[in-house]
Amino acid sequence: MALFKLTGLNQRRFRLFRRNGRGFWSFVLFTLLFVASLFAPLLANDRPILASYKGELLYPTIFDYPEAKFGGFLAVTDFRDPLNQEEIAANGWMIWPPLRYSYNTVNRELPMPAPSRPAFLLTPDVACGKYPGGVTDPQCIAGNLNWLGTDDQGRDVVARLIYGFRISVAFGLVLTLFSSIIGVFAGAIQGYFGGWTDLLFQRFIDIWSSLPTLYLLIILSAFVVPSFWLLLFILLLFSWTGLVGVVRAEFLRARNFEYVRAAKALGLSDGKIMFRHVLPNAMVSTVTFMPFILSGSVTTLTALDYLGFGLPPGSASLGELVKQGKDNLFAPWLGFTAFFVVSIMLTLLVFIGEAVRDALDPRKTFA
C-alpha cells in the first residue's frame, strides 16, 4: 500500500512525473482514449442506445428484441431497417449513438464498391446520394457516413478502430498484469533464496524462453480457434519471464542488507521478509518496466492478428486492419489509418514509460 499513498517520497515522484509534460499529457490522453473505448457500444453501434415504443422503454444495446414486436418476422430486430425505423418513429422515439455502425456492421448501401473511400474524399452527391438534402440532410449527418471509409467487407473503419483499440489495450493490460505478478513472484524466489534454487530456476527459464512461441501458436491454431482468453493464456505462458531478471537482481542485492538480517534474527518468516520488506524496494524497477511491457503486449497481439494467428476472424483488431491495408494497396486510407493509430498508441506508451522511469529515478531532481 505504500506505493499508493502520497507519502513524502511518492509526492516527490508524482511531482517529477507531473513536470515531465510529454509523459504526463501522454498519460492523460491515453487514459481518456481507453476510458472512452470502454463505452464503445454507446459510441458506435447499429442499435439505438435507448428507444421507446408504444410507451415501453427498450434497451437495444443490452437486449435482443424480436422483429415481431414491431410488426416484422425476423428473430432479431434490424434497427437500421428503414421500415423498423419508421414504425418506431411513428409510435415512439430512439436515441442513437454518434456512429450508427458496430465493428461487424456491413454497410449495404455504399456509394461505391468496398473498400469505399472516406466520406471527406467523396463529393456530396456521392456521399449522401440517397438522401434528398445531400450531406446537409439530417439522416445523412446522423452517423450514417463512413468517415474513414470501409474495409473490403463493407464494415466501417472508425467503428472497428474504436472496438479494436479497446480490445488491444485491454488484452495488453491483462497480459501485463498477470505476467508481472508471475514474473515478480518467480524473481523474488530466485533472488531471495539464491544457491541451487536460483541456479535451477535460471536453467529452466533459459530452456523455457527458447521455445518458439509463434510455432506453437501456429500448431494450436490448427486444432482450435484462438479466443481472447486462450490467446491470453498461451502468451502468458511465455511472457512472464520478462521481469524475472530485474526482480531477481533486486532481491539478490537486498537479501544481505542489515534490515533483512535483523528481520531474520527477530524470527520473521521468509514470506513476510520477502513481500513486506524487500518487495517494495524491488517494485520501483518493476513499475518502471511495466509501460514498456504493455506496449510490447499490444504489439504482439497486433502482429499475431496481422499474421492470422490472433483473435477469431471477424473480431475488431488493429492487426487485422493492418492486413487489410496490405491486401488492398489501391485503398491507401486503410494502411495509413492503421499505421497512424498503432504508431500514436505505441508512442504514447513509450512517453509514459519514460516519464515513469524518470520519476522513480532517485538521481532525478527538480533543478
Protein backbone atom coordinates (compact mmCIF):
# COMPACT_ATOMS: atom_id res chain seq x y z
CA MET A 1 0.00 0.00 0.00
CA ALA A 2 2.95 2.31 0.47
CA LEU A 3 3.22 2.68 -3.29
CA PHE A 4 -0.29 4.15 -3.50
CA LYS A 5 -0.14 6.51 -0.55
CA LEU A 6 1.11 10.00 -1.21
CA THR A 7 3.94 9.84 1.29
CA GLY A 8 6.78 12.30 1.04
CA LEU A 9 8.69 10.08 -1.38
CA ASN A 10 5.66 9.36 -3.54
CA GLN A 11 4.73 13.04 -3.58
CA ARG A 12 8.19 13.76 -4.94
CA ARG A 13 7.75 11.04 -7.58
CA PHE A 14 4.37 12.39 -8.62
CA ARG A 15 5.75 15.91 -8.94
CA LEU A 16 8.59 14.60 -11.12
CA PHE A 17 6.08 12.72 -13.26
CA ARG A 18 3.88 15.82 -13.49
CA ARG A 19 6.81 18.01 -14.53
CA ASN A 20 7.51 15.72 -17.45
CA GLY A 21 4.93 17.36 -19.69
CA ARG A 22 5.36 14.94 -22.58
CA GLY A 23 4.84 11.87 -20.42
CA PHE A 24 2.11 13.34 -18.24
CA TRP A 25 -0.07 14.55 -21.10
CA SER A 26 0.54 11.29 -22.95
CA PHE A 27 -0.81 9.51 -19.88
CA VAL A 28 -3.85 11.80 -19.76
CA LEU A 29 -4.57 11.36 -23.46
CA PHE A 30 -4.06 7.60 -23.42
CA THR A 31 -6.30 7.24 -20.34
CA LEU A 32 -9.06 9.33 -21.93
CA LEU A 33 -8.91 7.30 -25.14
CA PHE A 34 -9.03 3.98 -23.31
CA VAL A 35 -11.85 5.05 -20.96
CA ALA A 36 -13.82 6.31 -23.97
CA SER A 37 -13.25 3.00 -25.78
CA LEU A 38 -14.74 1.13 -22.81
CA PHE A 39 -18.04 2.74 -23.78
CA ALA A 40 -17.70 1.64 -27.40
CA PRO A 41 -21.29 0.29 -27.61
CA LEU A 42 -22.52 3.77 -26.70
CA LEU A 43 -20.26 5.47 -29.26
CA ALA A 44 -20.55 3.14 -32.25
CA ASN A 45 -23.44 0.75 -32.60
CA ASP A 46 -26.03 -0.34 -35.14
CA ARG A 47 -28.66 -0.33 -32.41
CA PRO A 48 -30.17 2.63 -30.53
CA ILE A 49 -28.90 3.31 -27.03
CA LEU A 50 -32.45 3.79 -25.79
CA ALA A 51 -35.83 3.55 -27.50
CA SER A 52 -39.47 3.98 -26.62
CA TYR A 53 -42.18 2.04 -28.45
CA LYS A 54 -45.85 2.42 -27.51
CA GLY A 55 -44.90 3.66 -24.06
CA GLU A 56 -42.41 0.85 -23.37
CA LEU A 57 -38.76 1.66 -22.79
CA LEU A 58 -36.39 -0.56 -24.75
CA TYR A 59 -32.64 -1.12 -24.29
CA PRO A 60 -31.45 -2.49 -27.68
CA THR A 61 -27.73 -2.30 -26.84
CA ILE A 62 -28.30 -4.70 -23.94
CA PHE A 63 -31.20 -6.92 -25.01
CA ASP A 64 -32.29 -8.51 -28.28
CA TYR A 65 -35.84 -7.82 -29.38
CA PRO A 66 -37.71 -9.93 -31.95
CA GLU A 67 -38.86 -8.07 -35.03
CA ALA A 68 -42.39 -9.34 -34.39
CA LYS A 69 -42.57 -6.69 -31.69
CA PHE A 70 -42.52 -4.07 -34.46
CA GLY A 71 -44.64 -5.96 -36.98
CA GLY A 72 -41.85 -7.92 -38.67
CA PHE A 73 -40.90 -11.58 -38.74
CA LEU A 74 -37.13 -11.82 -38.06
CA ALA A 75 -35.79 -13.35 -34.85
CA VAL A 76 -33.71 -10.24 -34.05
CA THR A 77 -34.68 -6.71 -35.00
CA ASP A 78 -32.54 -4.85 -37.50
CA PHE A 79 -32.87 -1.29 -36.25
CA ARG A 80 -31.13 0.06 -39.36
CA ASP A 81 -34.02 -1.18 -41.50
CA PRO A 82 -35.98 1.89 -42.68
CA LEU A 83 -39.31 0.08 -42.12
CA ASN A 84 -38.46 -0.61 -38.49
CA GLN A 85 -37.23 2.94 -38.02
CA GLU A 86 -40.45 4.36 -39.44
CA GLU A 87 -42.56 2.07 -37.25
CA ILE A 88 -40.72 3.05 -34.07
CA ALA A 89 -40.70 6.75 -35.01
CA ALA A 90 -44.48 6.63 -35.53
CA ASN A 91 -45.05 5.10 -32.09
CA GLY A 92 -42.16 6.43 -30.04
CA TRP A 93 -38.58 7.60 -30.37
CA MET A 94 -34.96 6.36 -30.49
CA ILE A 95 -31.64 7.73 -29.20
CA TRP A 96 -28.82 6.65 -31.47
CA PRO A 97 -25.07 6.63 -30.73
CA PRO A 98 -22.93 9.17 -32.61
CA LEU A 99 -21.85 6.47 -35.09
CA ARG A 100 -24.55 4.09 -36.33
CA TYR A 101 -22.18 1.23 -37.09
CA SER A 102 -20.80 -1.53 -34.90
CA TYR A 103 -17.50 -3.26 -35.61
CA ASN A 104 -19.26 -6.03 -37.59
CA THR A 105 -21.96 -3.95 -39.29
CA VAL A 106 -21.87 -4.28 -43.06
CA ASN A 107 -22.97 -1.18 -44.93
CA ARG A 108 -25.05 -2.49 -47.82
CA GLU A 109 -25.72 0.96 -49.26
CA LEU A 110 -22.18 2.03 -50.11
CA PRO A 111 -21.80 4.76 -52.73
CA MET A 112 -19.00 2.72 -54.34
CA PRO A 113 -17.66 -0.86 -54.17
CA ALA A 114 -15.91 -1.85 -50.94
CA PRO A 115 -13.48 -0.79 -49.70
CA SER A 116 -15.14 2.59 -50.10
CA ARG A 117 -13.25 5.84 -49.69
CA PRO A 118 -13.59 8.06 -46.59
CA ALA A 119 -16.60 10.37 -46.64
CA PHE A 120 -14.44 13.51 -46.73
CA LEU A 121 -12.92 12.30 -50.02
CA LEU A 122 -16.33 11.88 -51.66
CA THR A 123 -18.41 14.54 -53.32
CA PRO A 124 -21.65 15.44 -51.51
CA ASP A 125 -23.88 13.88 -54.16
CA VAL A 126 -21.96 10.59 -53.91
CA ALA A 127 -21.57 10.53 -50.10
CA CYS A 128 -25.28 11.07 -49.43
CA GLY A 129 -26.85 10.44 -52.80
CA LYS A 130 -29.84 8.56 -51.39
CA TYR A 131 -30.81 11.49 -49.15
CA PRO A 132 -32.65 14.44 -50.76
CA GLY A 133 -30.67 17.02 -48.85
CA GLY A 134 -27.24 15.51 -49.51
CA VAL A 135 -24.70 15.98 -46.73
CA THR A 136 -26.98 18.55 -45.11
CA ASP A 137 -29.77 16.01 -44.72
CA PRO A 138 -30.26 15.13 -41.01
CA GLN A 139 -30.38 11.42 -41.80
CA CYS A 140 -27.04 11.61 -43.57
CA ILE A 141 -25.38 13.61 -40.81
CA ALA A 142 -26.76 11.34 -38.07
CA GLY A 143 -23.97 8.81 -38.12
CA ASN A 144 -24.57 7.17 -41.49
CA LEU A 145 -21.39 8.37 -43.18
CA ASN A 146 -18.25 6.24 -43.20
CA TRP A 147 -15.83 8.97 -42.14
CA LEU A 148 -12.71 6.85 -42.67
CA GLY A 149 -14.24 4.62 -45.31
CA THR A 150 -14.90 0.90 -45.08
CA ASP A 151 -12.80 -2.23 -45.29
CA ASP A 152 -13.12 -4.76 -48.09
CA GLN A 153 -16.18 -6.29 -46.41
CA GLY A 154 -18.06 -3.01 -46.13
CA ARG A 155 -17.50 -2.54 -42.38
CA ASP A 156 -16.95 0.95 -41.01
CA VAL A 157 -13.29 1.67 -40.25
CA VAL A 158 -13.96 4.12 -37.39
CA ALA A 159 -16.15 1.60 -35.56
CA ARG A 160 -13.54 -1.11 -35.96
CA LEU A 161 -10.85 1.25 -34.70
CA ILE A 162 -12.82 2.04 -31.54
CA TYR A 163 -13.51 -1.61 -30.74
CA GLY A 164 -10.05 -2.73 -31.87
CA PHE A 165 -8.32 -0.15 -29.69
CA ARG A 166 -10.37 -1.31 -26.70
CA ILE A 167 -9.61 -4.99 -27.11
CA SER A 168 -5.91 -4.37 -27.87
CA VAL A 169 -5.33 -2.22 -24.78
CA ALA A 170 -7.46 -4.46 -22.56
CA PHE A 171 -5.53 -7.51 -23.78
CA GLY A 172 -2.23 -5.75 -23.16
CA LEU A 173 -3.24 -4.60 -19.66
CA VAL A 174 -4.43 -8.05 -18.57
CA LEU A 175 -1.36 -9.76 -20.04
CA THR A 176 0.95 -7.20 -18.43
CA LEU A 177 -0.75 -7.56 -15.04
CA PHE A 178 -0.66 -11.33 -14.84
CA SER A 179 2.79 -11.72 -16.39
CA SER A 180 4.14 -9.12 -13.93
CA ILE A 181 2.63 -10.96 -10.96
CA ILE A 182 4.13 -14.28 -12.02
CA GLY A 183 7.45 -12.71 -13.00
CA VAL A 184 7.78 -10.80 -9.73
CA PHE A 185 6.98 -13.92 -7.70
CA ALA A 186 9.45 -16.07 -9.64
CA GLY A 187 12.21 -13.43 -9.47
CA ALA A 188 11.64 -12.98 -5.73
CA ILE A 189 12.01 -16.70 -5.07
CA GLN A 190 15.20 -16.87 -7.13
CA GLY A 191 16.87 -13.81 -5.71
CA TYR A 192 15.96 -14.32 -2.07
CA PHE A 193 16.97 -17.95 -1.70
CA GLY A 194 19.80 -17.99 -4.27
CA GLY A 195 22.04 -21.05 -4.44
CA TRP A 196 20.63 -24.14 -6.12
CA THR A 197 17.16 -22.63 -6.25
CA ASP A 198 18.46 -19.73 -8.32
CA LEU A 199 20.66 -21.94 -10.50
CA LEU A 200 17.96 -24.49 -11.36
CA PHE A 201 15.37 -21.77 -11.95
CA GLN A 202 17.71 -19.93 -14.29
CA ARG A 203 18.35 -23.04 -16.36
CA PHE A 204 14.60 -23.67 -16.58
CA ILE A 205 13.99 -20.08 -17.76
CA ASP A 206 16.74 -20.42 -20.37
CA ILE A 207 15.05 -23.51 -21.80
CA TRP A 208 11.52 -22.15 -21.48
CA SER A 209 12.27 -18.80 -23.12
CA SER A 210 13.93 -20.55 -26.08
CA LEU A 211 10.70 -22.31 -27.09
CA PRO A 212 9.30 -20.92 -30.39
CA THR A 213 6.08 -19.17 -29.34
CA LEU A 214 4.92 -18.42 -32.87
CA TYR A 215 5.32 -22.02 -34.00
CA LEU A 216 3.31 -23.23 -31.01
CA LEU A 217 0.54 -20.77 -31.88
CA ILE A 218 0.53 -21.99 -35.48
CA ILE A 219 0.25 -25.60 -34.31
CA LEU A 220 -2.53 -24.82 -31.81
CA SER A 221 -4.48 -22.78 -34.36
CA ALA A 222 -4.70 -25.91 -36.49
CA PHE A 223 -6.66 -27.66 -33.72
CA VAL A 224 -8.64 -24.88 -32.02
CA VAL A 225 -9.79 -21.38 -32.96
CA PRO A 226 -7.88 -18.95 -30.70
CA SER A 227 -10.15 -16.88 -28.48
CA PHE A 228 -9.31 -13.87 -26.32
CA TRP A 229 -8.70 -15.92 -23.18
CA LEU A 230 -6.96 -18.83 -24.92
CA LEU A 231 -4.60 -16.46 -26.69
CA LEU A 232 -4.00 -14.63 -23.41
CA PHE A 233 -3.19 -17.91 -21.65
CA ILE A 234 -0.76 -19.03 -24.35
CA LEU A 235 1.12 -15.72 -24.40
CA LEU A 236 1.14 -15.61 -20.61
CA LEU A 237 2.99 -18.91 -20.55
CA PHE A 238 5.97 -17.23 -22.21
CA SER A 239 5.72 -13.52 -21.33
CA TRP A 240 6.20 -13.81 -17.55
CA THR A 241 9.97 -14.21 -17.90
CA GLY A 242 10.44 -10.54 -18.86
CA LEU A 243 10.57 -9.22 -15.29
CA VAL A 244 12.29 -12.17 -13.62
CA GLY A 245 15.82 -10.88 -14.19
CA VAL A 246 15.09 -7.40 -12.84
CA VAL A 247 13.34 -8.62 -9.67
CA ARG A 248 15.93 -11.35 -9.13
CA ALA A 249 18.75 -8.80 -9.22
CA GLU A 250 16.97 -6.57 -6.68
CA PHE A 251 16.41 -9.47 -4.28
CA LEU A 252 19.98 -10.72 -4.68
CA ARG A 253 21.20 -7.26 -3.78
CA ALA A 254 18.82 -6.71 -0.86
CA ARG A 255 18.92 -10.10 0.83
CA ASN A 256 22.21 -9.30 2.58
CA PHE A 257 21.16 -5.84 3.79
CA GLU A 258 21.18 -5.19 7.51
CA TYR A 259 17.42 -4.81 7.85
CA VAL A 260 16.89 -8.23 6.24
CA ARG A 261 19.35 -9.85 8.63
CA ALA A 262 17.71 -8.08 11.54
CA ALA A 263 14.26 -9.32 10.44
CA LYS A 264 15.61 -12.88 10.27
CA ALA A 265 17.13 -12.53 13.71
CA LEU A 266 13.76 -11.39 15.06
CA GLY A 267 12.17 -14.58 13.74
CA LEU A 268 10.17 -13.20 10.82
CA SER A 269 9.24 -15.78 8.22
CA ASP A 270 10.82 -15.71 4.78
CA GLY A 271 7.47 -14.86 3.19
CA LYS A 272 6.98 -11.76 5.35
CA ILE A 273 10.53 -10.58 4.75
CA MET A 274 10.25 -11.08 1.00
CA PHE A 275 6.89 -9.47 0.36
CA ARG A 276 6.66 -6.96 3.19
CA HIS A 277 10.21 -5.59 3.37
CA VAL A 278 12.18 -6.47 0.21
CA LEU A 279 9.45 -6.39 -2.44
CA PRO A 280 8.58 -2.66 -2.05
CA ASN A 281 12.16 -1.80 -3.00
CA ALA A 282 12.07 -4.14 -6.00
CA MET A 283 8.73 -2.74 -7.17
CA VAL A 284 10.38 0.52 -8.23
CA SER A 285 12.23 -1.16 -11.08
CA THR A 286 9.19 -3.33 -11.83
CA VAL A 287 6.83 -0.38 -12.25
CA THR A 288 9.42 1.31 -14.45
CA PHE A 289 9.30 -1.56 -16.95
CA MET A 290 5.52 -2.06 -16.98
CA PRO A 291 4.60 0.60 -19.62
CA PHE A 292 7.16 -0.92 -21.96
CA ILE A 293 5.80 -4.42 -21.28
CA LEU A 294 2.33 -3.10 -22.07
CA SER A 295 3.47 -1.68 -25.41
CA GLY A 296 5.16 -4.99 -26.20
CA SER A 297 1.97 -6.91 -25.38
CA VAL A 298 -0.12 -4.68 -27.66
CA THR A 299 2.44 -5.08 -30.44
CA THR A 300 2.42 -8.87 -30.03
CA LEU A 301 -1.36 -9.06 -30.39
CA THR A 302 -1.26 -6.74 -33.41
CA ALA A 303 1.42 -8.86 -35.07
CA LEU A 304 -0.46 -12.11 -34.42
CA ASP A 305 -3.68 -10.66 -35.83
CA TYR A 306 -1.77 -9.46 -38.88
CA LEU A 307 -0.39 -12.97 -39.44
CA GLY A 308 -3.81 -14.55 -38.91
CA PHE A 309 -2.97 -16.35 -35.65
CA GLY A 310 -4.59 -13.92 -33.25
CA LEU A 311 -8.22 -13.26 -32.42
CA PRO A 312 -11.01 -15.15 -34.23
CA PRO A 313 -11.85 -13.96 -37.77
CA GLY A 314 -14.23 -11.01 -37.79
CA SER A 315 -13.05 -9.65 -34.44
CA ALA A 316 -12.25 -5.95 -34.24
CA SER A 317 -8.48 -5.83 -34.40
CA LEU A 318 -5.80 -3.32 -35.24
CA GLY A 319 -3.63 -6.06 -36.71
CA GLU A 320 -6.47 -7.15 -39.00
CA LEU A 321 -6.78 -3.55 -40.21
CA VAL A 322 -3.05 -3.51 -40.97
CA LYS A 323 -3.53 -6.69 -43.00
CA GLN A 324 -6.44 -5.04 -44.82
CA GLY A 325 -4.15 -2.18 -45.79
CA LYS A 326 -1.57 -4.65 -47.13
CA ASP A 327 -4.12 -6.64 -49.09
CA ASN A 328 -5.78 -3.54 -50.58
CA LEU A 329 -2.98 -1.31 -51.78
CA PHE A 330 -5.44 0.54 -54.02
CA ALA A 331 -7.18 1.72 -50.80
CA PRO A 332 -4.28 3.54 -49.08
CA TRP A 333 -6.54 5.06 -46.42
CA LEU A 334 -6.71 1.64 -44.73
CA GLY A 335 -2.94 1.35 -44.38
CA PHE A 336 -2.50 4.97 -43.34
CA THR A 337 -5.26 4.71 -40.72
CA ALA A 338 -3.79 1.55 -39.20
CA PHE A 339 -0.26 2.97 -39.25
CA PHE A 340 -1.17 6.23 -37.53
CA VAL A 341 -3.37 4.61 -34.86
CA VAL A 342 -0.81 1.94 -33.91
CA SER A 343 2.16 4.32 -34.03
CA ILE A 344 0.41 7.01 -31.96
CA MET A 345 -0.71 4.45 -29.37
CA LEU A 346 2.78 2.97 -29.00
CA THR A 347 4.35 6.44 -28.92
CA LEU A 348 2.09 7.46 -26.04
CA LEU A 349 3.02 4.30 -24.13
CA VAL A 350 6.75 4.91 -24.66
CA PHE A 351 6.42 8.52 -23.47
CA ILE A 352 4.55 7.31 -20.38
CA GLY A 353 7.23 4.71 -19.69
CA GLU A 354 10.00 7.30 -19.96
CA ALA A 355 8.17 9.63 -17.56
CA VAL A 356 7.63 6.83 -15.04
CA ARG A 357 11.28 5.80 -15.30
CA ASP A 358 12.47 9.36 -14.65
CA ALA A 359 10.01 9.86 -11.79
CA LEU A 360 11.25 6.74 -9.99
CA ASP A 361 14.92 7.55 -10.58
CA PRO A 362 16.38 8.69 -7.22
CA ARG A 363 19.04 10.69 -9.05
CA LYS A 364 16.49 12.99 -10.67
CA THR A 365 15.97 16.40 -9.09
CA PHE A 366 13.74 19.40 -9.73
CA ALA A 367 16.64 21.50 -10.89
